Amino acid sequence: MKSKVLFLSLLVVVVGDHPEPPAALRNGPPINPDEYSANYWINEAQTAIKKRSIRDHDVDVARNLVIFLGDGMSLQTIAAARILKGQRDGKTGEEAELYFESFPALGLVKTYCVNQQIPDSSCTATAYLCGVKGNYGTLGVTAAVKKSDCKSSVVEGNRVQSIADWALAAGKDVGIVTTTRVTHASPAGSYAKSASRNWEAYANRDVDSKDPVNCIDIAQQLVNSNPGKMFKVILGGGRNGFLPKTTLDEEGIYGKRQDGRNLIEEWRQDKIDRNVSYAYVWNRNELRSQFDTPPEYLLGLFENSHMKFNVEANQETEPTLTEMADIAIRMLSRNEKGFFLFVEGGRIDHAHHKNKAHIALDETLEFDKAVQMAGEKLPENDTLIVVTADHSHVMAFNGYSARGSSIVGISGQKDANNIPYMTLSYTTGRGARRQVSGVRTDITKEAKFGQLMWTFHAEVPLKNETHGGDDVAVFARGPHYRMFAGLYEQSQIPHIMAYASCIGPGLHAPGCNSATSPRFPLLLAAGTAISVCIHNFFGGRTIDDCNASIFVRITAVLIIIIIIL
């Protein structure tokens, strides 16, 4: 039996902390070759936007754009986290609600890569941040680029822009916040163009392209290339990708760069050369010290690799996702033209890969707290908030437990051999237990059963649990939220956000024509002031009651408007 488990475990090759599938064997019809181009997905999105816009009568414009990404936050994860939230509050749980579940728009997106039925976090990041679907394992490039094909990835026609590029071009500020490494697949989708998500830093295990000069690593792209070098806020983990292998970080751990470069110092020097204020922070206290008077640029790297799970974090050194998102919003809100912010609860995914269901749900609740903070801080009439996931996981929600049963406990039923099973379990992963003569192990007798880090049961033994291929949810609130309802391709998300915010090369909402016109502020100011006077007049006061100086200024503005028109 041990040999069988070992064989099955070896079916998944692990690169870094990400399970890498073997090459997929295709025996079906060929993929539509048009899908290898960016135009195919751009046109698909624009056609869908034009069709849905008929039902969208919103006149507001999204000055600010925020996308909250729960990595691996499947529908089952959302439902189970909702119940856990209620049960932590002493209730039965099923009736509870996550904050983002109250958003007025709900949609579903299809998450497949061009070449894979079951996606990873890089091809999906290219979809929901760049609006184009690519191949498994690639970032910011079209499906014309095969994984690890450095040569094709530097062809300009194969490289795509992200919504961060569009926002910067419109004069907005940009920031990224994550609980993973800032060079990890999801955040990297906003700035990197790479044939492999694994090329995070210049290290032997990462640079399998054999050409690190032309295909520079993802950390370098963040620090030295556009759009990454223009990001006002960069917060997360991953110090090892920024430091030489001979350099110890603040917590006494060596970096992993083999080119001898210190990218933290290079980031600092770039800000000095541009004569802008900046700060680099590595712990929670240093981050919190920036809240009152934050600099123009902020880089925070709080762990050598990924940030700790919430339940394991050192509260003195590691900020919460909510705190990181909070200071990002404070900083970016200073731009009158608005901002784009990416916030990722990235370790939901990692907990699922380890079959740690309780941890995955806890990470989801921490993610929801960050969404609530943003929702309460940012006005709904000018800020579009989108909450979604990149892909699902194979955590199952099993029957038939009674109402109020612990969501992280055993089911109210037993199997055919009278052995208990969990309400939550996995179809694949390291939680597979040995069966004896077809009889499952009684998991309730394990020494660590019920503890937070206990490994939930899995059916198929693998070193890491796999992603799922089912659709994931999209929740939206703010200008043009109705555009996110329905079922559609994941690559439509950034195009819809751009539509609502008057940025990017595609279709824009009708209100963009007036909102971006230089005449609009004058008309708005004059109209508001005149309406006050008229209101006062018909409210029993005379026109003389309006301040004379204000009236003179209004008249002057109206004359200017008439001349302009």
Protein backbone atom coordinates (compact mmCIF):
# COMPACT_ATOMS: atom_id res chain seq x y z
CA MET A 1 0.00 0.00 0.00
CA LYS A 2 2.84 2.40 0.84
CA SER A 3 4.31 1.94 -2.63
CA LYS A 4 0.95 2.82 -4.19
CA VAL A 5 0.70 5.99 -2.13
CA LEU A 6 4.25 6.94 -3.08
CA PHE A 7 3.55 6.35 -6.76
CA LEU A 8 0.41 8.45 -6.70
CA SER A 9 2.15 11.18 -4.77
CA LEU A 10 4.83 11.38 -7.43
CA LEU A 11 2.20 12.16 -10.04
CA VAL A 12 2.47 15.75 -8.83
CA VAL A 13 5.85 17.43 -9.25
CA VAL A 14 6.31 20.35 -6.91
CA VAL A 15 8.07 23.47 -8.14
CA GLY A 16 8.57 25.76 -5.17
CA ASP A 17 5.27 25.67 -3.31
CA HIS A 18 3.07 25.19 -6.37
CA PRO A 19 1.89 21.80 -7.61
CA GLU A 20 2.87 21.38 -11.24
CA PRO A 21 0.77 18.94 -13.29
CA PRO A 22 2.27 16.62 -15.87
CA ALA A 23 1.84 17.51 -19.52
CA ALA A 24 -1.81 17.11 -20.39
CA LEU A 25 -2.68 14.43 -22.94
CA ARG A 26 -5.26 15.70 -25.42
CA ASN A 27 -7.48 13.35 -27.40
CA GLY A 28 -10.29 15.75 -28.23
CA PRO A 29 -10.84 18.30 -30.99
CA PRO A 30 -8.13 20.91 -31.56
CA ILE A 31 -8.20 24.22 -29.70
CA ASN A 32 -9.50 27.14 -31.73
CA PRO A 33 -6.28 28.78 -33.02
CA ASP A 34 -7.88 32.24 -32.69
CA GLU A 35 -7.66 31.83 -28.89
CA TYR A 36 -3.86 32.19 -29.12
CA SER A 37 -4.22 35.91 -29.88
CA ALA A 38 -5.07 38.75 -27.51
CA ASN A 39 -7.62 40.18 -29.95
CA TYR A 40 -9.82 37.10 -29.66
CA TRP A 41 -10.36 37.60 -25.93
CA ILE A 42 -10.55 41.39 -26.15
CA ASN A 43 -13.23 41.20 -28.82
CA GLU A 44 -15.09 38.54 -26.87
CA ALA A 45 -15.17 40.80 -23.82
CA GLN A 46 -16.15 43.94 -25.71
CA THR A 47 -18.99 42.14 -27.47
CA ALA A 48 -20.30 40.89 -24.12
CA ILE A 49 -20.00 44.36 -22.55
CA LYS A 50 -21.92 45.94 -25.41
CA LYS A 51 -24.69 43.37 -25.03
CA ARG A 52 -25.01 43.71 -21.25
CA SER A 53 -24.69 47.50 -21.24
CA ILE A 54 -28.23 47.74 -22.68
CA ARG A 55 -29.51 46.86 -19.21
CA ASP A 56 -27.06 49.13 -17.38
CA HIS A 57 -28.47 52.59 -16.71
CA ASP A 58 -25.92 53.73 -14.12
CA VAL A 59 -24.66 57.30 -14.65
CA ASP A 60 -21.90 57.19 -12.03
CA VAL A 61 -18.24 56.67 -12.93
CA ALA A 62 -15.88 54.47 -10.92
CA ARG A 63 -13.07 56.81 -9.91
CA ASN A 64 -11.53 54.06 -7.78
CA LEU A 65 -11.21 50.39 -8.64
CA VAL A 66 -10.52 47.65 -6.08
CA ILE A 67 -10.35 43.94 -6.83
CA PHE A 68 -10.26 41.57 -3.88
CA LEU A 69 -8.96 38.15 -4.91
CA GLY A 70 -9.55 35.17 -2.62
CA ASP A 71 -7.06 32.71 -4.08
CA GLY A 72 -8.78 29.35 -4.32
CA MET A 73 -11.98 30.69 -2.73
CA SER A 74 -14.44 28.20 -4.18
CA LEU A 75 -18.19 28.40 -3.64
CA GLN A 76 -17.89 25.61 -1.08
CA THR A 77 -15.23 27.63 0.74
CA ILE A 78 -17.48 30.67 0.87
CA ALA A 79 -20.44 28.66 2.18
CA ALA A 80 -18.38 26.88 4.84
CA ALA A 81 -16.63 30.12 5.94
CA ARG A 82 -20.03 31.79 6.31
CA ILE A 83 -21.16 29.01 8.63
CA LEU A 84 -17.91 29.12 10.63
CA LYS A 85 -18.37 32.87 11.08
CA GLY A 86 -21.85 32.34 12.53
CA GLN A 87 -20.72 29.50 14.76
CA ARG A 88 -17.86 31.58 16.15
CA ASP A 89 -20.55 34.10 17.11
CA GLY A 90 -22.43 31.43 19.05
CA LYS A 91 -25.14 30.84 16.42
CA THR A 92 -26.09 27.84 14.34
CA GLY A 93 -24.13 29.41 11.49
CA GLU A 94 -26.06 28.63 8.35
CA GLU A 95 -27.97 31.91 8.57
CA ALA A 96 -24.80 34.04 8.78
CA GLU A 97 -23.50 36.28 5.99
CA LEU A 98 -20.05 37.33 4.91
CA TYR A 99 -19.71 41.05 4.30
CA PHE A 100 -19.12 40.75 0.57
CA GLU A 101 -22.14 38.46 0.19
CA SER A 102 -24.30 41.56 0.71
CA PHE A 103 -23.02 43.13 -2.52
CA PRO A 104 -25.85 43.74 -4.99
CA ALA A 105 -24.31 41.91 -7.98
CA LEU A 106 -23.44 38.24 -8.18
CA GLY A 107 -22.00 36.47 -11.20
CA LEU A 108 -20.07 33.35 -12.13
CA VAL A 109 -16.94 33.09 -14.27
CA LYS A 110 -15.35 30.25 -16.22
CA THR A 111 -11.75 29.75 -15.14
CA TYR A 112 -10.09 27.41 -17.68
CA CYS A 113 -6.74 28.22 -19.32
CA VAL A 114 -6.40 28.04 -23.10
CA ASN A 115 -4.54 24.74 -22.80
CA GLN A 116 -5.82 23.38 -19.47
CA GLN A 117 -9.30 22.46 -18.28
CA ILE A 118 -8.21 22.98 -14.67
CA PRO A 119 -6.35 26.30 -14.25
CA ASP A 120 -3.55 27.62 -12.09
CA SER A 121 -3.15 31.06 -10.51
CA SER A 122 -1.05 32.50 -13.33
CA CYS A 123 -3.22 31.90 -16.37
CA THR A 124 -6.19 33.07 -14.30
CA ALA A 125 -4.32 36.21 -13.16
CA THR A 126 -3.64 37.00 -16.81
CA ALA A 127 -7.39 36.66 -17.40
CA TYR A 128 -8.83 38.75 -14.55
CA LEU A 129 -6.05 41.39 -14.63
CA CYS A 130 -5.10 41.57 -18.32
CA GLY A 131 -8.36 40.53 -19.95
CA VAL A 132 -6.72 37.79 -22.04
CA LYS A 133 -6.56 34.04 -21.45
CA GLY A 134 -3.19 32.34 -21.67
CA ASN A 135 -1.56 28.97 -21.03
CA TYR A 136 -1.10 27.25 -17.70
CA GLY A 137 1.91 28.61 -15.82
CA THR A 138 2.37 31.79 -17.89
CA LEU A 139 1.88 35.43 -16.88
CA GLY A 140 0.96 38.52 -18.89
CA VAL A 141 1.39 36.82 -22.26
CA THR A 142 -0.97 35.31 -24.81
CA ALA A 143 -1.49 31.61 -25.43
CA ALA A 144 1.00 31.87 -28.29
CA VAL A 145 3.59 31.52 -25.51
CA LYS A 146 4.12 28.00 -24.17
CA LYS A 147 5.27 27.59 -20.60
CA SER A 148 9.02 28.24 -20.17
CA ASP A 149 9.38 29.41 -23.79
CA CYS A 150 11.49 32.50 -23.17
CA LYS A 151 11.97 33.33 -26.86
CA SER A 152 8.27 33.66 -27.69
CA SER A 153 7.52 35.57 -24.48
CA VAL A 154 9.65 38.56 -25.51
CA VAL A 155 7.82 38.99 -28.81
CA GLU A 156 5.92 42.25 -28.35
CA GLY A 157 2.76 40.94 -29.99
CA ASN A 158 2.59 38.14 -27.41
CA ARG A 159 2.76 40.50 -24.41
CA VAL A 160 -0.36 42.10 -22.94
CA GLN A 161 -1.08 45.05 -20.68
CA SER A 162 -2.90 44.81 -17.37
CA ILE A 163 -5.59 46.98 -15.84
CA ALA A 164 -2.76 48.46 -13.74
CA ASP A 165 -1.20 49.75 -16.97
CA TRP A 166 -4.54 51.24 -18.01
CA ALA A 167 -5.01 52.93 -14.64
CA LEU A 168 -1.54 54.48 -14.68
CA ALA A 169 -2.07 55.76 -18.22
CA ALA A 170 -5.22 57.51 -16.98
CA GLY A 171 -3.28 59.24 -14.18
CA LYS A 172 -4.49 56.99 -11.40
CA ASP A 173 -2.28 55.47 -8.70
CA VAL A 174 -1.80 51.72 -8.30
CA GLY A 175 -1.05 49.39 -5.41
CA ILE A 176 -0.85 45.65 -4.69
CA VAL A 177 -1.39 43.89 -1.37
CA THR A 178 -1.07 40.16 -0.76
CA THR A 179 -0.44 37.56 1.93
CA THR A 180 1.76 35.61 -0.49
CA ARG A 181 5.09 36.65 -1.97
CA VAL A 182 4.60 39.87 -3.93
CA THR A 183 6.20 38.04 -6.87
CA HIS A 184 3.72 35.17 -6.66
CA ALA A 185 1.41 34.42 -9.57
CA SER A 186 -1.67 36.43 -8.57
CA PRO A 187 -0.08 39.82 -7.76
CA ALA A 188 2.47 39.34 -10.56
CA GLY A 189 -0.38 39.31 -13.07
CA SER A 190 -0.67 43.06 -12.58
CA TYR A 191 2.89 43.83 -13.72
CA ALA A 192 4.84 40.81 -15.03
CA LYS A 193 5.24 39.32 -18.48
CA SER A 194 6.79 35.91 -18.12
CA ALA A 195 6.75 32.52 -19.82
CA SER A 196 6.90 30.94 -16.37
CA ARG A 197 5.39 31.93 -13.06
CA ASN A 198 8.33 30.14 -11.44
CA TRP A 199 10.85 32.76 -12.62
CA GLU A 200 10.23 34.82 -9.51
CA ALA A 201 13.89 35.54 -8.79
CA TYR A 202 17.31 34.91 -10.29
CA ALA A 203 17.94 31.45 -8.81
CA ASN A 204 18.83 28.10 -10.35
CA ARG A 205 15.53 26.45 -9.60
CA ASP A 206 13.61 29.36 -11.11
CA VAL A 207 15.49 30.31 -14.27
CA ASP A 208 14.97 27.27 -16.45
CA SER A 209 14.74 29.54 -19.48
CA LYS A 210 18.56 29.56 -19.73
CA ASP A 211 18.17 33.21 -20.73
CA PRO A 212 17.80 35.40 -17.62
CA VAL A 213 19.09 38.42 -19.56
CA ASN A 214 16.21 38.62 -22.02
CA CYS A 215 13.61 36.98 -19.78
CA ILE A 216 14.28 38.89 -16.59
CA ASP A 217 12.83 37.52 -13.38
CA ILE A 218 9.55 38.72 -11.91
CA ALA A 219 11.12 40.51 -8.93
CA GLN A 220 13.27 42.60 -11.27
CA GLN A 221 10.22 43.46 -13.35
CA LEU A 222 8.45 44.74 -10.24
CA VAL A 223 11.34 46.97 -9.19
CA ASN A 224 12.84 48.12 -12.48
CA SER A 225 10.20 47.87 -15.20
CA ASN A 226 6.89 49.50 -15.99
CA PRO A 227 4.29 49.31 -14.65
CA GLY A 228 5.69 47.76 -11.43
CA LYS A 229 8.22 50.49 -10.64
CA MET A 230 5.35 53.02 -10.66
CA PHE A 231 3.24 51.19 -8.06
CA LYS A 232 2.77 53.44 -5.04
CA VAL A 233 2.11 50.53 -2.65
CA ILE A 234 3.67 47.04 -2.64
CA LEU A 235 2.88 44.99 0.48
CA GLY A 236 3.25 41.27 1.14
CA GLY A 237 5.90 38.61 1.60
CA GLY A 238 8.86 37.41 -0.44
CA ARG A 239 12.04 39.14 0.77
CA ASN A 240 14.15 36.20 -0.45
CA GLY A 241 13.53 37.13 -4.08
CA PHE A 242 14.91 40.62 -3.51
CA LEU A 243 18.12 39.76 -1.66
CA PRO A 244 21.39 38.00 -2.66
CA LYS A 245 21.92 34.46 -1.39
CA THR A 246 24.81 35.79 0.72
CA THR A 247 22.69 38.44 2.47
CA LEU A 248 20.70 37.86 5.64
CA ASP A 249 17.33 39.57 5.93
CA GLU A 250 15.99 41.26 9.08
CA GLU A 251 14.95 37.90 10.54
CA GLY A 252 18.26 36.17 9.86
CA ILE A 253 17.28 34.26 6.70
CA TYR A 254 19.35 34.33 3.52
CA GLY A 255 18.04 35.64 0.24
CA LYS A 256 18.05 33.46 -2.85
CA ARG A 257 19.23 35.71 -5.67
CA GLN A 258 22.31 34.36 -7.41
CA ASP A 259 23.11 37.53 -9.35
CA GLY A 260 24.26 39.41 -6.23
CA ARG A 261 21.65 42.14 -6.69
CA ASN A 262 19.81 43.73 -3.78
CA LEU A 263 16.49 44.78 -5.28
CA ILE A 264 15.32 46.49 -2.09
CA GLU A 265 18.24 48.89 -2.42
CA GLU A 266 17.55 49.30 -6.13
CA TRP A 267 13.93 50.18 -5.29
CA ARG A 268 15.17 52.76 -2.78
CA GLN A 269 17.64 54.24 -5.26
CA ASP A 270 14.95 54.62 -7.92
CA LYS A 271 12.85 56.70 -5.51
CA ILE A 272 15.87 58.82 -4.57
CA ASP A 273 16.63 59.42 -8.25
CA ARG A 274 13.04 60.53 -8.82
CA ASN A 275 13.10 62.75 -5.73
CA VAL A 276 9.97 61.21 -4.18
CA SER A 277 9.32 60.25 -0.57
CA TYR A 278 9.45 56.55 0.21
CA ALA A 279 9.67 53.98 2.99
CA TYR A 280 10.67 50.32 3.17
CA VAL A 281 9.19 48.40 6.11
CA TRP A 282 9.53 44.79 7.18
CA ASN A 283 7.35 44.43 10.27
CA ARG A 284 3.96 45.43 11.64
CA ASN A 285 5.19 48.24 13.89
CA GLU A 286 7.10 49.88 11.05
CA LEU A 287 4.02 49.64 8.84
CA ARG A 288 1.74 51.15 11.47
CA SER A 289 4.20 54.01 11.98
CA GLN A 290 3.43 55.09 8.40
CA PHE A 291 -0.35 55.39 8.86
CA ASP A 292 -0.55 59.04 9.89
CA THR A 293 1.92 60.52 7.40
CA PRO A 294 2.53 57.89 4.71
CA PRO A 295 5.15 58.48 2.01
CA GLU A 296 4.48 58.63 -1.71
CA TYR A 297 5.88 55.12 -2.20
CA LEU A 298 5.77 52.22 0.25
CA LEU A 299 7.41 48.79 -0.02
CA GLY A 300 6.65 46.29 2.72
CA LEU A 301 8.09 42.76 2.74
CA PHE A 302 7.04 41.03 5.96
CA GLU A 303 8.34 37.50 5.47
CA ASN A 304 11.21 35.76 3.70
CA SER A 305 8.65 33.83 1.67
CA HIS A 306 4.87 33.83 2.07
CA MET A 307 3.31 35.53 5.06
CA LYS A 308 2.21 33.22 7.86
CA PHE A 309 -1.28 31.83 8.16
CA ASN A 310 -3.37 34.14 10.32
CA VAL A 311 -3.51 31.63 13.20
CA GLU A 312 0.30 31.27 13.22
CA ALA A 313 1.32 34.90 12.64
CA ASN A 314 3.54 36.79 15.05
CA GLN A 315 1.36 39.80 15.82
CA GLU A 316 4.38 41.96 16.59
CA THR A 317 6.06 41.46 13.24
CA GLU A 318 3.27 40.54 10.81
CA PRO A 319 0.43 42.90 9.87
CA THR A 320 -3.03 41.64 9.01
CA LEU A 321 -4.44 41.78 5.51
CA THR A 322 -6.87 44.43 6.75
CA GLU A 323 -4.04 46.65 8.02
CA MET A 324 -2.13 46.36 4.76
CA ALA A 325 -5.22 47.16 2.70
CA ASP A 326 -6.05 50.04 5.04
CA ILE A 327 -2.79 51.92 4.56
CA ALA A 328 -2.90 51.20 0.83
CA ILE A 329 -6.29 52.90 0.58
CA ARG A 330 -5.07 55.83 2.71
CA MET A 331 -2.13 56.37 0.37
CA LEU A 332 -3.87 55.84 -2.94
CA SER A 333 -6.88 57.98 -2.01
CA ARG A 334 -4.68 61.08 -2.18
CA ASN A 335 -4.85 61.00 -5.97
CA GLU A 336 -7.82 63.07 -7.15
CA LYS A 337 -8.01 60.97 -10.32
CA GLY A 338 -8.51 57.82 -8.28
CA PHE A 339 -6.69 54.52 -8.05
CA PHE A 340 -6.57 50.80 -8.83
CA LEU A 341 -5.84 48.45 -5.93
CA PHE A 342 -5.32 44.68 -5.97
CA VAL A 343 -5.77 42.88 -2.63
CA GLU A 344 -5.21 39.13 -2.34
CA GLY A 345 -6.03 36.70 0.43
CA GLY A 346 -3.53 34.30 -1.06
CA ARG A 347 -3.16 31.70 1.64
CA ILE A 348 -6.69 30.34 1.35
CA ASP A 349 -5.24 28.43 -1.57
CA HIS A 350 -2.20 27.17 0.33
CA ALA A 351 -4.30 25.83 3.19
CA HIS A 352 -6.48 23.91 0.75
CA HIS A 353 -3.42 22.43 -0.97
CA LYS A 354 -2.41 21.00 2.41
CA ASN A 355 -5.96 19.75 3.19
CA LYS A 356 -6.14 22.20 6.11
CA ALA A 357 -9.82 23.07 5.72
CA HIS A 358 -10.14 24.88 9.05
CA ILE A 359 -7.21 27.15 8.15
CA ALA A 360 -8.63 27.85 4.68
CA LEU A 361 -11.90 28.99 6.26
CA ASP A 362 -10.09 31.15 8.81
CA GLU A 363 -8.09 32.80 6.02
CA THR A 364 -11.37 33.44 4.18
CA LEU A 365 -12.80 35.21 7.23
CA GLU A 366 -9.68 37.38 7.48
CA PHE A 367 -10.09 38.19 3.81
CA ASP A 368 -13.71 39.20 4.42
CA LYS A 369 -12.60 41.59 7.18
CA ALA A 370 -10.37 43.39 4.71
CA VAL A 371 -13.23 43.69 2.23
CA GLN A 372 -15.46 45.13 4.98
CA MET A 373 -12.86 47.71 5.95
CA ALA A 374 -12.60 48.85 2.33
CA GLY A 375 -16.34 48.86 1.85
CA GLU A 376 -16.89 51.05 4.91
CA LYS A 377 -14.04 53.40 4.02
CA LEU A 378 -14.70 53.95 0.31
CA PRO A 379 -17.87 55.66 -1.02
CA GLU A 380 -20.09 53.39 -3.05
CA ASN A 381 -20.98 56.04 -5.63
CA ASP A 382 -17.41 56.41 -6.96
CA THR A 383 -15.65 53.18 -6.00
CA LEU A 384 -16.18 49.86 -7.74
CA ILE A 385 -15.26 46.92 -5.51
CA VAL A 386 -15.07 43.47 -7.10
CA VAL A 387 -14.60 40.32 -4.99
CA THR A 388 -13.78 37.08 -6.74
CA ALA A 389 -11.53 34.02 -6.84
CA ASP A 390 -9.06 32.80 -9.43
CA HIS A 391 -10.06 29.14 -9.30
CA SER A 392 -11.79 26.62 -7.09
CA HIS A 393 -10.53 23.70 -4.98
CA VAL A 394 -11.74 20.14 -4.52
CA MET A 395 -13.02 20.52 -0.97
CA ALA A 396 -16.37 18.74 -0.74
CA PHE A 397 -19.32 19.68 1.48
CA ASN A 398 -20.74 16.30 2.53
CA GLY A 399 -24.20 15.24 3.81
CA TYR A 400 -26.13 14.93 6.02
CA SER A 401 -25.34 16.96 9.12
CA ALA A 402 -28.03 18.49 11.33
CA ARG A 403 -28.54 22.26 11.43
CA GLY A 404 -25.89 23.91 13.58
CA SER A 405 -23.42 21.01 13.41
CA SER A 406 -19.79 22.14 13.56
CA ILE A 407 -18.72 22.93 10.03
CA VAL A 408 -15.22 21.65 10.84
CA GLY A 409 -16.50 18.58 12.66
CA ILE A 410 -17.78 15.11 11.78
CA SER A 411 -20.90 14.55 9.75
CA GLY A 412 -24.07 13.36 11.40
CA GLN A 413 -23.84 10.22 9.26
CA LYS A 414 -21.41 7.30 9.08
CA ASP A 415 -20.19 5.28 6.13
CA ALA A 416 -21.27 1.75 5.17
CA ASN A 417 -18.77 0.31 7.69
CA ASN A 418 -20.08 2.53 10.52
CA ILE A 419 -16.96 4.74 10.41
CA PRO A 420 -17.41 8.53 10.92
CA TYR A 421 -16.56 11.00 8.18
CA MET A 422 -16.16 14.78 8.07
CA THR A 423 -18.70 17.31 6.83
CA LEU A 424 -15.78 18.80 4.88
CA SER A 425 -13.28 16.60 3.07
CA TYR A 426 -11.19 16.58 -0.09
CA THR A 427 -11.21 14.44 -3.20
CA THR A 428 -7.39 14.68 -3.53
CA GLY A 429 -4.39 15.47 -1.33
CA ARG A 430 -2.08 14.50 1.48
CA GLY A 431 -4.97 13.74 3.83
CA ALA A 432 -5.58 10.29 2.30
CA ARG A 433 -5.55 7.57 4.99
CA ARG A 434 -4.73 3.91 4.48
CA GLN A 435 -7.68 1.57 4.19
CA VAL A 436 -7.51 -1.96 5.53
CA SER A 437 -9.61 -4.47 3.60
CA GLY A 438 -11.65 -1.63 2.20
CA VAL A 439 -12.41 -0.12 5.61
CA ARG A 440 -11.52 3.52 6.22
CA THR A 441 -9.48 4.74 9.18
CA ASP A 442 -11.49 6.18 12.06
CA ILE A 443 -10.11 9.73 11.91
CA THR A 444 -11.75 10.73 15.19
CA LYS A 445 -9.24 8.56 17.05
CA GLU A 446 -6.21 10.45 15.73
CA ALA A 447 -4.17 12.32 18.33
CA LYS A 448 -4.53 15.73 16.66
CA PHE A 449 -8.13 15.33 15.54
CA GLY A 450 -10.06 18.58 15.86
CA GLN A 451 -7.03 20.84 16.16
CA LEU A 452 -6.73 23.88 13.89
CA MET A 453 -3.88 22.41 11.83
CA TRP A 454 -5.34 18.91 11.62
CA THR A 455 -5.26 17.50 8.08
CA PHE A 456 -8.74 16.76 6.76
CA HIS A 457 -9.47 13.49 4.98
CA ALA A 458 -8.79 13.10 1.25
CA GLU A 459 -9.72 10.30 -1.13
CA VAL A 460 -6.93 10.28 -3.75
CA PRO A 461 -3.42 10.37 -2.21
CA LEU A 462 -1.33 13.20 -3.64
CA LYS A 463 1.44 15.33 -2.18
CA ASN A 464 -0.75 18.41 -2.73
CA GLU A 465 -4.49 18.76 -3.20
CA THR A 466 -5.46 19.99 -6.65
CA HIS A 467 -7.43 22.93 -7.97
CA GLY A 468 -10.94 22.37 -9.24
CA GLY A 469 -12.38 23.29 -12.61
CA ASP A 470 -15.77 24.59 -11.50
CA ASP A 471 -16.89 28.19 -11.87
CA VAL A 472 -16.12 30.79 -9.19
CA ALA A 473 -18.25 33.66 -7.95
CA VAL A 474 -17.93 37.38 -8.62
CA PHE A 475 -19.46 39.90 -6.19
CA ALA A 476 -19.62 43.59 -7.16
CA ARG A 477 -20.62 46.88 -5.56
CA GLY A 478 -20.36 50.40 -6.92
CA PRO A 479 -20.78 52.08 -10.31
CA HIS A 480 -22.05 49.72 -13.02
CA TYR A 481 -22.19 46.74 -10.65
CA ARG A 482 -24.99 45.22 -12.77
CA MET A 483 -22.46 44.51 -15.50
CA PHE A 484 -20.98 41.71 -13.36
CA ALA A 485 -24.15 39.61 -13.20
CA GLY A 486 -24.49 36.43 -15.24
CA LEU A 487 -22.08 33.73 -16.39
CA TYR A 488 -19.08 34.78 -18.48
CA GLU A 489 -15.41 34.32 -19.22
CA GLN A 490 -13.02 35.30 -16.43
CA SER A 491 -11.14 37.49 -18.91
CA GLN A 492 -14.09 39.87 -19.07
CA ILE A 493 -13.53 41.13 -15.49
CA PRO A 494 -10.85 43.81 -16.15
CA HIS A 495 -12.64 45.00 -19.27
CA ILE A 496 -15.86 45.56 -17.28
CA MET A 497 -13.91 47.40 -14.58
CA ALA A 498 -12.26 49.56 -17.23
CA TYR A 499 -15.68 50.22 -18.80
CA ALA A 500 -16.95 51.51 -15.45
CA SER A 501 -13.87 53.66 -14.82
CA CYS A 502 -13.34 55.22 -18.27
CA ILE A 503 -9.89 53.69 -18.69
CA GLY A 504 -8.28 51.27 -21.11
CA PRO A 505 -8.69 50.85 -24.85
CA GLY A 506 -12.19 49.31 -24.96
CA LEU A 507 -15.78 50.44 -24.53
CA HIS A 508 -16.51 52.98 -21.82
CA ALA A 509 -19.71 53.73 -19.93
CA PRO A 510 -21.87 56.56 -21.38
CA GLY A 511 -21.14 58.77 -18.36
CA CYS A 512 -17.44 58.81 -19.24
CA ASN A 513 -17.94 61.39 -21.99
CA SER A 514 -19.18 64.04 -19.54
CA ALA A 515 -17.20 62.91 -16.51
CA THR A 516 -13.90 63.28 -18.33
CA SER A 517 -14.79 66.52 -20.10
CA PRO A 518 -13.22 69.77 -18.79
CA ARG A 519 -16.68 71.34 -18.97
CA PHE A 520 -18.22 68.85 -16.60
CA PRO A 521 -16.83 70.20 -13.30
CA LEU A 522 -17.91 73.74 -14.26
CA LEU A 523 -21.41 72.62 -15.11
CA LEU A 524 -21.62 70.58 -11.93
CA ALA A 525 -20.42 73.42 -9.70
CA ALA A 526 -22.66 76.03 -11.33
CA GLY A 527 -25.67 73.77 -11.37
CA THR A 528 -25.25 72.89 -7.70
CA ALA A 529 -24.92 76.51 -6.59
CA ILE A 530 -27.91 77.69 -8.67
CA SER A 531 -30.06 74.85 -7.36
CA VAL A 532 -29.32 76.00 -3.80
CA CYS A 533 -30.49 79.52 -4.61
CA ILE A 534 -33.62 78.26 -6.34
CA HIS A 535 -34.36 75.96 -3.41
CA ASN A 536 -34.00 78.86 -1.00
CA PHE A 537 -36.22 81.06 -3.16
CA PHE A 538 -39.07 78.59 -3.35
CA GLY A 539 -38.54 77.69 0.28
CA GLY A 540 -39.84 81.11 1.30
CA ARG A 541 -36.64 83.14 0.87
CA THR A 542 -35.87 85.71 -1.83
CA ILE A 543 -33.03 85.57 -4.29
CA ASP A 544 -31.39 88.37 -2.29
CA ASP A 545 -30.87 85.90 0.53
CA CYS A 546 -28.26 84.14 -1.56
CA ASN A 547 -24.83 85.48 -0.88
CA ALA A 548 -24.17 88.22 -3.44
CA SER A 549 -20.54 87.30 -3.99
CA ILE A 550 -21.48 83.71 -4.69
CA PHE A 551 -24.12 84.85 -7.14
CA VAL A 552 -21.57 86.99 -9.00
CA ARG A 553 -19.17 84.06 -9.25
CA ILE A 554 -21.94 81.80 -10.55
CA THR A 555 -22.84 84.35 -13.20
CA ALA A 556 -19.20 84.55 -14.31
CA VAL A 557 -18.97 80.78 -14.53
CA LEU A 558 -22.16 80.61 -16.60
CA ILE A 559 -20.77 83.19 -19.03
CA ILE A 560 -17.60 81.13 -19.41
CA ILE A 561 -19.66 77.99 -20.02
CA ILE A 562 -21.74 79.73 -22.69
CA ILE A 563 -18.56 80.87 -24.43
CA ILE A 564 -17.11 77.34 -24.30
CA LEU A 565 -20.31 75.83 -25.66
